[in-house]
Amino acid sequence: MLNALSAFSGATVSYPFDETTRVYKVGGKIFAIVGDNDDPVRVSVKCDPDIAEELREQHPGTVAPGYHLSKRHWNTVTLDDSVNDDDLRDWLAHSYDLVFRSLPRASRTEITRVIRDN
């Protein structure tokens, strides 16, 4: 399921912190962080603050405030058996959309143009 992160328009992946922490960006801004060495794997995603709180209440022990991130704007999701693929896909898309929409118009236009031309 996490392979879907690379499929978002203009998404790039890098390892700026260490060799086991994947960082996904769009337009140079982070929208997801994956701890590959975590067992189970954890992914941190950007989230609307109101929705973030709601998800934490609905999924205690699975969705927590962002690990080493702004607790208001980020959730860390533990990918165990309690997380269904549809929910995870929605949370990843929500994170990407929040970050993409925050980019300057010129950046959004360029990302869209490059995708369209390819």
PDB file of N, CA and C in Angstrom:
ATOM      1  N   MET A   1       0.825  -1.195   0.000  1.00  0.00           N
ATOM      2  CA  MET A   1       0.000   0.000   0.000  1.00  0.00           C
ATOM      3  C   MET A   1       0.867   1.256   0.000  1.00  0.00           C
ATOM      4  N   LEU A   2       1.981   1.240   0.700  1.00  0.00           N
ATOM      5  CA  LEU A   2       2.821   2.430   0.760  1.00  0.00           C
ATOM      6  C   LEU A   2       3.463   2.750  -0.587  1.00  0.00           C
ATOM      7  N   ASN A   3       3.494   1.792  -1.500  1.00  0.00           N
ATOM      8  CA  ASN A   3       4.001   2.073  -2.845  1.00  0.00           C
ATOM      9  C   ASN A   3       3.153   3.128  -3.536  1.00  0.00           C
ATOM     10  N   ALA A   4       1.922   3.296  -3.086  1.00  0.00           N
ATOM     11  CA  ALA A   4       1.034   4.306  -3.658  1.00  0.00           C
ATOM     12  C   ALA A   4       1.600   5.711  -3.466  1.00  0.00           C
ATOM     13  N   LEU A   5       2.449   5.907  -2.478  1.00  0.00           N
ATOM     14  CA  LEU A   5       3.015   7.231  -2.228  1.00  0.00           C
ATOM     15  C   LEU A   5       3.805   7.742  -3.430  1.00  0.00           C
ATOM     16  N   SER A   6       4.530   6.866  -4.090  1.00  0.00           N
ATOM     17  CA  SER A   6       5.328   7.269  -5.250  1.00  0.00           C
ATOM     18  C   SER A   6       4.470   7.570  -6.465  1.00  0.00           C
ATOM     19  N   ALA A   7       3.234   7.124  -6.458  1.00  0.00           N
ATOM     20  CA  ALA A   7       2.350   7.303  -7.610  1.00  0.00           C
ATOM     21  C   ALA A   7       1.687   8.679  -7.653  1.00  0.00           C
ATOM     22  N   PHE A   8       1.738   9.423  -6.562  1.00  0.00           N
ATOM     23  CA  PHE A   8       1.127  10.747  -6.576  1.00  0.00           C
ATOM     24  C   PHE A   8       1.900  11.666  -7.520  1.00  0.00           C
ATOM     25  N   SER A   9       1.188  12.535  -8.231  1.00  0.00           N
ATOM     26  CA  SER A   9       1.793  13.435  -9.210  1.00  0.00           C
ATOM     27  C   SER A   9       2.910  14.264  -8.595  1.00  0.00           C
ATOM     28  N   GLY A  10       4.087  14.179  -9.189  1.00  0.00           N
ATOM     29  CA  GLY A  10       5.219  14.976  -8.739  1.00  0.00           C
ATOM     30  C   GLY A  10       5.879  14.502  -7.468  1.00  0.00           C
ATOM     31  N   ALA A  11       5.480  13.347  -6.955  1.00  0.00           N
ATOM     32  CA  ALA A  11       6.057  12.842  -5.699  1.00  0.00           C
ATOM     33  C   ALA A  11       7.497  12.393  -5.906  1.00  0.00           C
ATOM     34  N   THR A  12       8.331  12.723  -4.934  1.00  0.00           N
ATOM     35  CA  THR A  12       9.717  12.260  -4.921  1.00  0.00           C
ATOM     36  C   THR A  12       9.974  11.581  -3.587  1.00  0.00           C
ATOM     37  N   VAL A  13      10.939  10.683  -3.567  1.00  0.00           N
ATOM     38  CA  VAL A  13      11.301   9.998  -2.330  1.00  0.00           C
ATOM     39  C   VAL A  13      12.795  10.189  -2.092  1.00  0.00           C
ATOM     40  N   SER A  14      13.145  10.383  -0.832  1.00  0.00           N
ATOM     41  CA  SER A  14      14.553  10.524  -0.461  1.00  0.00           C
ATOM     42  C   SER A  14      14.736   9.990   0.953  1.00  0.00           C
ATOM     43  N   TYR A  15      15.994   9.923   1.365  1.00  0.00           N
ATOM     44  CA  TYR A  15      16.355   9.443   2.703  1.00  0.00           C
ATOM     45  C   TYR A  15      17.231  10.499   3.380  1.00  0.00           C
ATOM     46  N   PRO A  16      16.680  11.666   3.702  1.00  0.00           N
ATOM     47  CA  PRO A  16      17.509  12.751   4.237  1.00  0.00           C
ATOM     48  C   PRO A  16      17.973  12.559   5.683  1.00  0.00           C
ATOM     49  N   PHE A  17      17.286  11.716   6.447  1.00  0.00           N
ATOM     50  CA  PHE A  17      17.610  11.561   7.863  1.00  0.00           C
ATOM     51  C   PHE A  17      18.541  10.386   8.112  1.00  0.00           C
ATOM     52  N   ASP A  18      18.212   9.243   7.524  1.00  0.00           N
ATOM     53  CA  ASP A  18      19.029   8.036   7.648  1.00  0.00           C
ATOM     54  C   ASP A  18      18.579   7.059   6.571  1.00  0.00           C
ATOM     55  N   GLU A  19      19.220   5.907   6.498  1.00  0.00           N
ATOM     56  CA  GLU A  19      18.935   4.960   5.413  1.00  0.00           C
ATOM     57  C   GLU A  19      17.648   4.162   5.601  1.00  0.00           C
ATOM     58  N   THR A  20      16.947   4.372   6.708  1.00  0.00           N
ATOM     59  CA  THR A  20      15.717   3.609   6.950  1.00  0.00           C
ATOM     60  C   THR A  20      14.468   4.483   7.081  1.00  0.00           C
ATOM     61  N   THR A  21      14.621   5.775   6.884  1.00  0.00           N
ATOM     62  CA  THR A  21      13.478   6.681   6.992  1.00  0.00           C
ATOM     63  C   THR A  21      13.221   7.329   5.636  1.00  0.00           C
ATOM     64  N   ARG A  22      12.169   6.844   4.966  1.00  0.00           N
ATOM     65  CA  ARG A  22      11.796   7.375   3.651  1.00  0.00           C
ATOM     66  C   ARG A  22      10.976   8.644   3.823  1.00  0.00           C
ATOM     67  N   VAL A  23      11.286   9.646   3.027  1.00  0.00           N
ATOM     68  CA  VAL A  23      10.559  10.912   3.057  1.00  0.00           C
ATOM     69  C   VAL A  23       9.991  11.171   1.666  1.00  0.00           C
ATOM     70  N   TYR A  24       8.683  11.361   1.609  1.00  0.00           N
ATOM     71  CA  TYR A  24       8.004  11.651   0.348  1.00  0.00           C
ATOM     72  C   TYR A  24       7.659  13.127   0.319  1.00  0.00           C
ATOM     73  N   LYS A  25       7.982  13.760  -0.819  1.00  0.00           N
ATOM     74  CA  LYS A  25       7.733  15.191  -0.976  1.00  0.00           C
ATOM     75  C   LYS A  25       7.020  15.458  -2.292  1.00  0.00           C
ATOM     76  N   VAL A  26       6.332  16.578  -2.316  1.00  0.00           N
ATOM     77  CA  VAL A  26       5.807  17.128  -3.555  1.00  0.00           C
ATOM     78  C   VAL A  26       6.156  18.609  -3.534  1.00  0.00           C
ATOM     79  N   GLY A  27       6.749  19.092  -4.616  1.00  0.00           N
ATOM     80  CA  GLY A  27       7.156  20.488  -4.668  1.00  0.00           C
ATOM     81  C   GLY A  27       8.131  20.860  -3.571  1.00  0.00           C
ATOM     82  N   GLY A  28       8.924  19.899  -3.109  1.00  0.00           N
ATOM     83  CA  GLY A  28       9.916  20.150  -2.072  1.00  0.00           C
ATOM     84  C   GLY A  28       9.374  20.136  -0.655  1.00  0.00           C
ATOM     85  N   LYS A  29       8.079  19.859  -0.483  1.00  0.00           N
ATOM     86  CA  LYS A  29       7.465  19.815   0.849  1.00  0.00           C
ATOM     87  C   LYS A  29       7.076  18.388   1.207  1.00  0.00           C
ATOM     88  N   ILE A  30       7.315  18.026   2.446  1.00  0.00           N
ATOM     89  CA  ILE A  30       7.049  16.670   2.920  1.00  0.00           C
ATOM     90  C   ILE A  30       5.549  16.425   3.064  1.00  0.00           C
ATOM     91  N   PHE A  31       5.100  15.253   2.553  1.00  0.00           N
ATOM     92  CA  PHE A  31       3.718  14.840   2.797  1.00  0.00           C
ATOM     93  C   PHE A  31       3.626  13.478   3.470  1.00  0.00           C
ATOM     94  N   ALA A  32       4.733  12.741   3.554  1.00  0.00           N
ATOM     95  CA  ALA A  32       4.716  11.459   4.271  1.00  0.00           C
ATOM     96  C   ALA A  32       6.133  11.065   4.670  1.00  0.00           C
ATOM     97  N   ILE A  33       6.225  10.435   5.832  1.00  0.00           N
ATOM     98  CA  ILE A  33       7.493   9.913   6.335  1.00  0.00           C
ATOM     99  C   ILE A  33       7.242   8.475   6.765  1.00  0.00           C
ATOM    100  N   VAL A  34       8.072   7.562   6.258  1.00  0.00           N
ATOM    101  CA  VAL A  34       7.895   6.140   6.541  1.00  0.00           C
ATOM    102  C   VAL A  34       9.119   5.611   7.278  1.00  0.00           C
ATOM    103  N   GLY A  35       8.872   5.003   8.437  1.00  0.00           N
ATOM    104  CA  GLY A  35       9.943   4.361   9.195  1.00  0.00           C
ATOM    105  C   GLY A  35      10.060   2.905   8.785  1.00  0.00           C
ATOM    106  N   ASP A  36      10.963   2.605   7.859  1.00  0.00           N
ATOM    107  CA  ASP A  36      11.102   1.244   7.335  1.00  0.00           C
ATOM    108  C   ASP A  36      11.577   0.247   8.379  1.00  0.00           C
ATOM    109  N   ASN A  37      12.319   0.704   9.367  1.00  0.00           N
ATOM    110  CA  ASN A  37      12.849  -0.207  10.391  1.00  0.00           C
ATOM    111  C   ASN A  37      11.862  -0.468  11.518  1.00  0.00           C
ATOM    112  N   ASP A  38      10.796   0.305  11.567  1.00  0.00           N
ATOM    113  CA  ASP A  38       9.807   0.115  12.628  1.00  0.00           C
ATOM    114  C   ASP A  38       9.081  -1.211  12.425  1.00  0.00           C
ATOM    115  N   ASP A  39       8.757  -1.862  13.509  1.00  0.00           N
ATOM    116  CA  ASP A  39       8.015  -3.125  13.428  1.00  0.00           C
ATOM    117  C   ASP A  39       6.884  -3.092  14.436  1.00  0.00           C
ATOM    118  N   PRO A  40       5.651  -2.873  13.978  1.00  0.00           N
ATOM    119  CA  PRO A  40       5.246  -2.712  12.587  1.00  0.00           C
ATOM    120  C   PRO A  40       5.649  -1.349  12.021  1.00  0.00           C
ATOM    121  N   VAL A  41       5.624  -1.260  10.705  1.00  0.00           N
ATOM    122  CA  VAL A  41       5.986  -0.026  10.008  1.00  0.00           C
ATOM    123  C   VAL A  41       5.036   1.090  10.421  1.00  0.00           C
ATOM    124  N   ARG A  42       5.590   2.294  10.518  1.00  0.00           N
ATOM    125  CA  ARG A  42       4.774   3.474  10.825  1.00  0.00           C
ATOM    126  C   ARG A  42       4.937   4.491   9.707  1.00  0.00           C
ATOM    127  N   VAL A  43       3.855   5.199   9.426  1.00  0.00           N
ATOM    128  CA  VAL A  43       3.889   6.268   8.437  1.00  0.00           C
ATOM    129  C   VAL A  43       3.286   7.514   9.074  1.00  0.00           C
ATOM    130  N   SER A  44       3.980   8.633   8.905  1.00  0.00           N
ATOM    131  CA  SER A  44       3.476   9.915   9.398  1.00  0.00           C
ATOM    132  C   SER A  44       2.931  10.691   8.209  1.00  0.00           C
ATOM    133  N   VAL A  45       1.725  11.216   8.386  1.00  0.00           N
ATOM    134  CA  VAL A  45       1.053  11.939   7.308  1.00  0.00           C
ATOM    135  C   VAL A  45       0.504  13.263   7.828  1.00  0.00           C
ATOM    136  N   LYS A  46       0.520  14.245   6.955  1.00  0.00           N
ATOM    137  CA  LYS A  46      -0.054  15.545   7.289  1.00  0.00           C
ATOM    138  C   LYS A  46      -1.574  15.399   7.327  1.00  0.00           C
ATOM    139  N   CYS A  47      -2.215  16.184   8.187  1.00  0.00           N
ATOM    140  CA  CYS A  47      -3.655  16.030   8.346  1.00  0.00           C
ATOM    141  C   CYS A  47      -4.275  17.345   8.810  1.00  0.00           C
ATOM    142  N   ASP A  48      -5.467  17.632   8.321  1.00  0.00           N
ATOM    143  CA  ASP A  48      -6.236  18.764   8.826  1.00  0.00           C
ATOM    144  C   ASP A  48      -6.378  18.584  10.334  1.00  0.00           C
ATOM    145  N   PRO A  49      -6.112  19.616  11.137  1.00  0.00           N
ATOM    146  CA  PRO A  49      -6.129  19.461  12.597  1.00  0.00           C
ATOM    147  C   PRO A  49      -7.422  18.880  13.169  1.00  0.00           C
ATOM    148  N   ASP A  50      -8.571  19.281  12.650  1.00  0.00           N
ATOM    149  CA  ASP A  50      -9.837  18.744  13.162  1.00  0.00           C
ATOM    150  C   ASP A  50      -9.981  17.262  12.832  1.00  0.00           C
ATOM    151  N   ILE A  51      -9.601  16.904  11.630  1.00  0.00           N
ATOM    152  CA  ILE A  51      -9.673  15.501  11.222  1.00  0.00           C
ATOM    153  C   ILE A  51      -8.642  14.678  11.987  1.00  0.00           C
ATOM    154  N   ALA A  52      -7.476  15.259  12.232  1.00  0.00           N
ATOM    155  CA  ALA A  52      -6.412  14.544  12.953  1.00  0.00           C
ATOM    156  C   ALA A  52      -6.901  14.091  14.323  1.00  0.00           C
ATOM    157  N   GLU A  53      -7.530  14.985  15.051  1.00  0.00           N
ATOM    158  CA  GLU A  53      -8.061  14.645  16.380  1.00  0.00           C
ATOM    159  C   GLU A  53      -9.117  13.552  16.291  1.00  0.00           C
ATOM    160  N   GLU A  54      -9.994  13.690  15.316  1.00  0.00           N
ATOM    161  CA  GLU A  54     -11.073  12.713  15.125  1.00  0.00           C
ATOM    162  C   GLU A  54     -10.503  11.316  14.839  1.00  0.00           C
ATOM    163  N   LEU A  55      -9.495  11.251  13.977  1.00  0.00           N
ATOM    164  CA  LEU A  55      -8.887   9.957  13.644  1.00  0.00           C
ATOM    165  C   LEU A  55      -8.212   9.326  14.858  1.00  0.00           C
ATOM    166  N   ARG A  56      -7.581  10.150  15.675  1.00  0.00           N
ATOM    167  CA  ARG A  56      -6.933   9.628  16.892  1.00  0.00           C
ATOM    168  C   ARG A  56      -7.958   9.027  17.844  1.00  0.00           C
ATOM    169  N   GLU A  57      -9.126   9.678  17.933  1.00  0.00           N
ATOM    170  CA  GLU A  57     -10.187   9.167  18.804  1.00  0.00           C
ATOM    171  C   GLU A  57     -10.794   7.880  18.243  1.00  0.00           C
ATOM    172  N   GLN A  58     -10.933   7.812  16.924  1.00  0.00           N
ATOM    173  CA  GLN A  58     -11.541   6.642  16.286  1.00  0.00           C
ATOM    174  C   GLN A  58     -10.599   5.436  16.236  1.00  0.00           C
ATOM    175  N   HIS A  59      -9.289   5.698  16.237  1.00  0.00           N
ATOM    176  CA  HIS A  59      -8.301   4.624  16.086  1.00  0.00           C
ATOM    177  C   HIS A  59      -7.230   4.713  17.180  1.00  0.00           C
ATOM    178  N   PRO A  60      -7.629   4.600  18.446  1.00  0.00           N
ATOM    179  CA  PRO A  60      -6.639   4.713  19.528  1.00  0.00           C
ATOM    180  C   PRO A  60      -5.604   3.591  19.430  1.00  0.00           C
ATOM    181  N   GLY A  61      -4.359   3.956  19.667  1.00  0.00           N
ATOM    182  CA  GLY A  61      -3.289   2.971  19.606  1.00  0.00           C
ATOM    183  C   GLY A  61      -2.756   2.741  18.205  1.00  0.00           C
ATOM    184  N   THR A  62      -3.511   3.170  17.207  1.00  0.00           N
ATOM    185  CA  THR A  62      -3.078   3.010  15.817  1.00  0.00           C
ATOM    186  C   THR A  62      -2.726   4.357  15.200  1.00  0.00           C
ATOM    187  N   VAL A  63      -3.554   5.362  15.450  1.00  0.00           N
ATOM    188  CA  VAL A  63      -3.303   6.714  14.961  1.00  0.00           C
ATOM    189  C   VAL A  63      -2.955   7.575  16.169  1.00  0.00           C
ATOM    190  N   ALA A  64      -1.766   8.160  16.124  1.00  0.00           N
ATOM    191  CA  ALA A  64      -1.262   8.955  17.246  1.00  0.00           C
ATOM    192  C   ALA A  64      -0.762  10.302  16.725  1.00  0.00           C
ATOM    193  N   PRO A  65      -0.587  11.269  17.630  1.00  0.00           N
ATOM    194  CA  PRO A  65       0.006  12.535  17.198  1.00  0.00           C
ATOM    195  C   PRO A  65       1.349  12.281  16.515  1.00  0.00           C
ATOM    196  N   GLY A  66       1.683  13.107  15.543  1.00  0.00           N
ATOM    197  CA  GLY A  66       2.907  12.927  14.768  1.00  0.00           C
ATOM    198  C   GLY A  66       4.146  12.747  15.625  1.00  0.00           C
ATOM    199  N   TYR A  67       4.907  11.720  15.318  1.00  0.00           N
ATOM    200  CA  TYR A  67       6.139  11.396  16.038  1.00  0.00           C
ATOM    201  C   TYR A  67       7.236  12.351  15.587  1.00  0.00           C
ATOM    202  N   HIS A  68       7.742  13.176  16.504  1.00  0.00           N
ATOM    203  CA  HIS A  68       8.762  14.191  16.226  1.00  0.00           C
ATOM    204  C   HIS A  68       8.293  15.219  15.196  1.00  0.00           C
ATOM    205  N   LEU A  69       6.983  15.458  15.143  1.00  0.00           N
ATOM    206  CA  LEU A  69       6.399  16.406  14.194  1.00  0.00           C
ATOM    207  C   LEU A  69       5.373  17.263  14.921  1.00  0.00           C
ATOM    208  N   SER A  70       4.848  18.259  14.237  1.00  0.00           N
ATOM    209  CA  SER A  70       3.787  19.075  14.813  1.00  0.00           C
ATOM    210  C   SER A  70       2.596  18.183  15.152  1.00  0.00           C
ATOM    211  N   LYS A  71       2.279  18.097  16.427  1.00  0.00           N
ATOM    212  CA  LYS A  71       1.191  17.218  16.880  1.00  0.00           C
ATOM    213  C   LYS A  71      -0.163  17.691  16.357  1.00  0.00           C
ATOM    214  N   ARG A  72      -0.264  18.947  16.042  1.00  0.00           N
ATOM    215  CA  ARG A  72      -1.526  19.504  15.550  1.00  0.00           C
ATOM    216  C   ARG A  72      -1.785  19.125  14.088  1.00  0.00           C
ATOM    217  N   HIS A  73      -0.735  19.064  13.289  1.00  0.00           N
ATOM    218  CA  HIS A  73      -0.887  18.893  11.843  1.00  0.00           C
ATOM    219  C   HIS A  73      -0.440  17.544  11.295  1.00  0.00           C
ATOM    220  N   TRP A  74       0.086  16.678  12.147  1.00  0.00           N
ATOM    221  CA  TRP A  74       0.593  15.393  11.669  1.00  0.00           C
ATOM    222  C   TRP A  74       0.082  14.252  12.537  1.00  0.00           C
ATOM    223  N   ASN A  75      -0.219  13.136  11.894  1.00  0.00           N
ATOM    224  CA  ASN A  75      -0.544  11.888  12.583  1.00  0.00           C
ATOM    225  C   ASN A  75       0.477  10.835  12.193  1.00  0.00           C
ATOM    226  N   THR A  76       0.819   9.977  13.135  1.00  0.00           N
ATOM    227  CA  THR A  76       1.642   8.815  12.847  1.00  0.00           C
ATOM    228  C   THR A  76       0.749   7.590  12.963  1.00  0.00           C
ATOM    229  N   VAL A  77       0.719   6.805  11.893  1.00  0.00           N
ATOM    230  CA  VAL A  77      -0.155   5.636  11.797  1.00  0.00           C
ATOM    231  C   VAL A  77       0.697   4.377  11.883  1.00  0.00           C
ATOM    232  N   THR A  78       0.370   3.519  12.829  1.00  0.00           N
ATOM    233  CA  THR A  78       1.036   2.225  12.945  1.00  0.00           C
ATOM    234  C   THR A  78       0.318   1.254  12.023  1.00  0.00           C
ATOM    235  N   LEU A  79       1.059   0.693  11.086  1.00  0.00           N
ATOM    236  CA  LEU A  79       0.450  -0.174  10.073  1.00  0.00           C
ATOM    237  C   LEU A  79       0.374  -1.610  10.574  1.00  0.00           C
ATOM    238  N   ASP A  80      -0.653  -1.836  11.373  1.00  0.00           N
ATOM    239  CA  ASP A  80      -0.909  -3.183  11.875  1.00  0.00           C
ATOM    240  C   ASP A  80      -2.199  -3.692  11.236  1.00  0.00           C
ATOM    241  N   ASP A  81      -2.688  -4.803  11.694  1.00  0.00           N
ATOM    242  CA  ASP A  81      -3.882  -5.412  11.093  1.00  0.00           C
ATOM    243  C   ASP A  81      -5.151  -4.584  11.262  1.00  0.00           C
ATOM    244  N   SER A  82      -5.123  -3.584  12.149  1.00  0.00           N
ATOM    245  CA  SER A  82      -6.336  -2.801  12.386  1.00  0.00           C
ATOM    246  C   SER A  82      -6.555  -1.707  11.338  1.00  0.00           C
ATOM    247  N   VAL A  83      -5.556  -1.442  10.502  1.00  0.00           N
ATOM    248  CA  VAL A  83      -5.675  -0.400   9.484  1.00  0.00           C
ATOM    249  C   VAL A  83      -6.087  -1.042   8.164  1.00  0.00           C
ATOM    250  N   ASN A  84      -7.264  -0.628   7.660  1.00  0.00           N
ATOM    251  CA  ASN A  84      -7.661  -1.197   6.368  1.00  0.00           C
ATOM    252  C   ASN A  84      -7.101  -0.347   5.227  1.00  0.00           C
ATOM    253  N   ASP A  85      -6.918  -0.989   4.086  1.00  0.00           N
ATOM    254  CA  ASP A  85      -6.273  -0.341   2.944  1.00  0.00           C
ATOM    255  C   ASP A  85      -7.011   0.898   2.464  1.00  0.00           C
ATOM    256  N   ASP A  86      -8.335   0.874   2.482  1.00  0.00           N
ATOM    257  CA  ASP A  86      -9.102   2.035   2.018  1.00  0.00           C
ATOM    258  C   ASP A  86      -8.862   3.250   2.905  1.00  0.00           C
ATOM    259  N   ASP A  87      -8.867   3.045   4.224  1.00  0.00           N
ATOM    260  CA  ASP A  87      -8.593   4.158   5.139  1.00  0.00           C
ATOM    261  C   ASP A  87      -7.188   4.696   4.911  1.00  0.00           C
ATOM    262  N   LEU A  88      -6.214   3.807   4.836  1.00  0.00           N
ATOM    263  CA  LEU A  88      -4.833   4.246   4.639  1.00  0.00           C
ATOM    264  C   LEU A  88      -4.698   5.012   3.331  1.00  0.00           C
ATOM    265  N   ARG A  89      -5.286   4.516   2.285  1.00  0.00           N
ATOM    266  CA  ARG A  89      -5.237   5.195   0.983  1.00  0.00           C
ATOM    267  C   ARG A  89      -5.832   6.605   1.106  1.00  0.00           C
ATOM    268  N   ASP A  90      -6.951   6.732   1.808  1.00  0.00           N
ATOM    269  CA  ASP A  90      -7.577   8.045   2.009  1.00  0.00           C
ATOM    270  C   ASP A  90      -6.662   8.977   2.793  1.00  0.00           C
ATOM    271  N   TRP A  91      -6.022   8.462   3.851  1.00  0.00           N
ATOM    272  CA  TRP A  91      -5.150   9.297   4.678  1.00  0.00           C
ATOM    273  C   TRP A  91      -3.924   9.756   3.895  1.00  0.00           C
ATOM    274  N   LEU A  92      -3.365   8.880   3.066  1.00  0.00           N
ATOM    275  CA  LEU A  92      -2.216   9.251   2.240  1.00  0.00           C
ATOM    276  C   LEU A  92      -2.620  10.321   1.227  1.00  0.00           C
ATOM    277  N   ALA A  93      -3.767  10.144   0.587  1.00  0.00           N
ATOM    278  CA  ALA A  93      -4.248  11.112  -0.405  1.00  0.00           C
ATOM    279  C   ALA A  93      -4.557  12.457   0.252  1.00  0.00           C
ATOM    280  N   HIS A  94      -5.146  12.430   1.439  1.00  0.00           N
ATOM    281  CA  HIS A  94      -5.453  13.664   2.166  1.00  0.00           C
ATOM    282  C   HIS A  94      -4.162  14.432   2.455  1.00  0.00           C
ATOM    283  N   SER A  95      -3.141  13.737   2.899  1.00  0.00           N
ATOM    284  CA  SER A  95      -1.861  14.366   3.194  1.00  0.00           C
ATOM    285  C   SER A  95      -1.268  14.996   1.935  1.00  0.00           C
ATOM    286  N   TYR A  96      -1.228  14.225   0.865  1.00  0.00           N
ATOM    287  CA  TYR A  96      -0.701  14.733  -0.400  1.00  0.00           C
ATOM    288  C   TYR A  96      -1.483  15.973  -0.839  1.00  0.00           C
ATOM    289  N   ASP A  97      -2.807  15.896  -0.805  1.00  0.00           N
ATOM    290  CA  ASP A  97      -3.647  17.012  -1.249  1.00  0.00           C
ATOM    291  C   ASP A  97      -3.408  18.273  -0.426  1.00  0.00           C
ATOM    292  N   LEU A  98      -3.283  18.122   0.893  1.00  0.00           N
ATOM    293  CA  LEU A  98      -3.014  19.287   1.745  1.00  0.00           C
ATOM    294  C   LEU A  98      -1.719  19.976   1.337  1.00  0.00           C
ATOM    295  N   VAL A  99      -0.687  19.189   1.128  1.00  0.00           N
ATOM    296  CA  VAL A  99       0.615  19.758   0.784  1.00  0.00           C
ATOM    297  C   VAL A  99       0.594  20.321  -0.634  1.00  0.00           C
ATOM    298  N   PHE A 100       0.033  19.582  -1.575  1.00  0.00           N
ATOM    299  CA  PHE A 100      -0.028  20.060  -2.961  1.00  0.00           C
ATOM    300  C   PHE A 100      -0.769  21.392  -3.038  1.00  0.00           C
ATOM    301  N   ARG A 101      -1.901  21.495  -2.359  1.00  0.00           N
ATOM    302  CA  ARG A 101      -2.692  22.736  -2.391  1.00  0.00           C
ATOM    303  C   ARG A 101      -1.964  23.906  -1.727  1.00  0.00           C
ATOM    304  N   SER A 102      -1.006  23.614  -0.846  1.00  0.00           N
ATOM    305  CA  SER A 102      -0.275  24.687  -0.169  1.00  0.00           C
ATOM    306  C   SER A 102       0.884  25.229  -1.013  1.00  0.00           C
ATOM    307  N   LEU A 103       1.200  24.548  -2.103  1.00  0.00           N
ATOM    308  CA  LEU A 103       2.297  24.988  -2.966  1.00  0.00           C
ATOM    309  C   LEU A 103       1.901  26.250  -3.719  1.00  0.00           C
ATOM    310  N   PRO A 104       2.885  27.060  -4.083  1.00  0.00           N
ATOM    311  CA  PRO A 104       2.575  28.217  -4.922  1.00  0.00           C
ATOM    312  C   PRO A 104       1.936  27.769  -6.243  1.00  0.00           C
ATOM    313  N   ARG A 105       1.102  28.611  -6.779  1.00  0.00           N
ATOM    314  CA  ARG A 105       0.390  28.276  -8.015  1.00  0.00           C
ATOM    315  C   ARG A 105       1.360  27.852  -9.120  1.00  0.00           C
ATOM    316  N   ALA A 106       2.477  28.541  -9.247  1.00  0.00           N
ATOM    317  CA  ALA A 106       3.444  28.203 -10.300  1.00  0.00           C
ATOM    318  C   ALA A 106       3.961  26.773 -10.131  1.00  0.00           C
ATOM    319  N   SER A 107       4.205  26.365  -8.901  1.00  0.00           N
ATOM    320  CA  SER A 107       4.678  24.995  -8.646  1.00  0.00           C
ATOM    321  C   SER A 107       3.599  23.977  -8.982  1.00  0.00           C
ATOM    322  N   ARG A 108       2.374  24.253  -8.571  1.00  0.00           N
ATOM    323  CA  ARG A 108       1.266  23.331  -8.878  1.00  0.00           C
ATOM    324  C   ARG A 108       1.080  23.194 -10.386  1.00  0.00           C
ATOM    325  N   THR A 109       1.152  24.333 -11.075  1.00  0.00           N
ATOM    326  CA  THR A 109       0.986  24.330 -12.526  1.00  0.00           C
ATOM    327  C   THR A 109       2.099  23.533 -13.194  1.00  0.00           C
ATOM    328  N   GLU A 110       3.322  23.717 -12.745  1.00  0.00           N
ATOM    329  CA  GLU A 110       4.466  22.998 -13.326  1.00  0.00           C
ATOM    330  C   GLU A 110       4.345  21.493 -13.100  1.00  0.00           C
ATOM    331  N   ILE A 111       3.982  21.080 -11.902  1.00  0.00           N
ATOM    332  CA  ILE A 111       3.816  19.647 -11.611  1.00  0.00           C
ATOM    333  C   ILE A 111       2.731  19.061 -12.500  1.00  0.00           C
ATOM    334  N   THR A 112       1.630  19.765 -12.623  1.00  0.00           N
ATOM    335  CA  THR A 112       0.521  19.299 -13.456  1.00  0.00           C
ATOM    336  C   THR A 112       0.931  19.239 -14.925  1.00  0.00           C
ATOM    337  N   ARG A 113       1.684  20.236 -15.391  1.00  0.00           N
ATOM    338  CA  ARG A 113       2.130  20.273 -16.789  1.00  0.00           C
ATOM    339  C   ARG A 113       3.067  19.111 -17.089  1.00  0.00           C
ATOM    340  N   VAL A 114       4.028  18.871 -16.218  1.00  0.00           N
ATOM    341  CA  VAL A 114       4.989  17.785 -16.427  1.00  0.00           C
ATOM    342  C   VAL A 114       4.265  16.447 -16.500  1.00  0.00           C
ATOM    343  N   ILE A 115       3.312  16.233 -15.609  1.00  0.00           N
ATOM    344  CA  ILE A 115       2.553  14.982 -15.603  1.00  0.00           C
ATOM    345  C   ILE A 115       1.743  14.856 -16.896  1.00  0.00           C
ATOM    346  N   ARG A 116       1.109  15.936 -17.295  1.00  0.00           N
ATOM    347  CA  ARG A 116       0.280  15.919 -18.505  1.00  0.00           C
ATOM    348  C   ARG A 116       1.127  15.639 -19.749  1.00  0.00           C
ATOM    349  N   ASP A 117       2.330  16.236 -19.807  1.00  0.00           N
ATOM    350  CA  ASP A 117       3.197  16.081 -20.979  1.00  0.00           C
ATOM    351  C   ASP A 117       3.840  14.703 -21.060  1.00  0.00           C
ATOM    352  N   ASN A 118       3.868  13.996 -19.956  1.00  0.00           N
ATOM    353  CA  ASN A 118       4.474  12.652 -19.965  1.00  0.00           C
ATOM    354  C   ASN A 118       3.404  11.680 -20.175  1.00  0.00           C
TER     355      ASN A 118
END
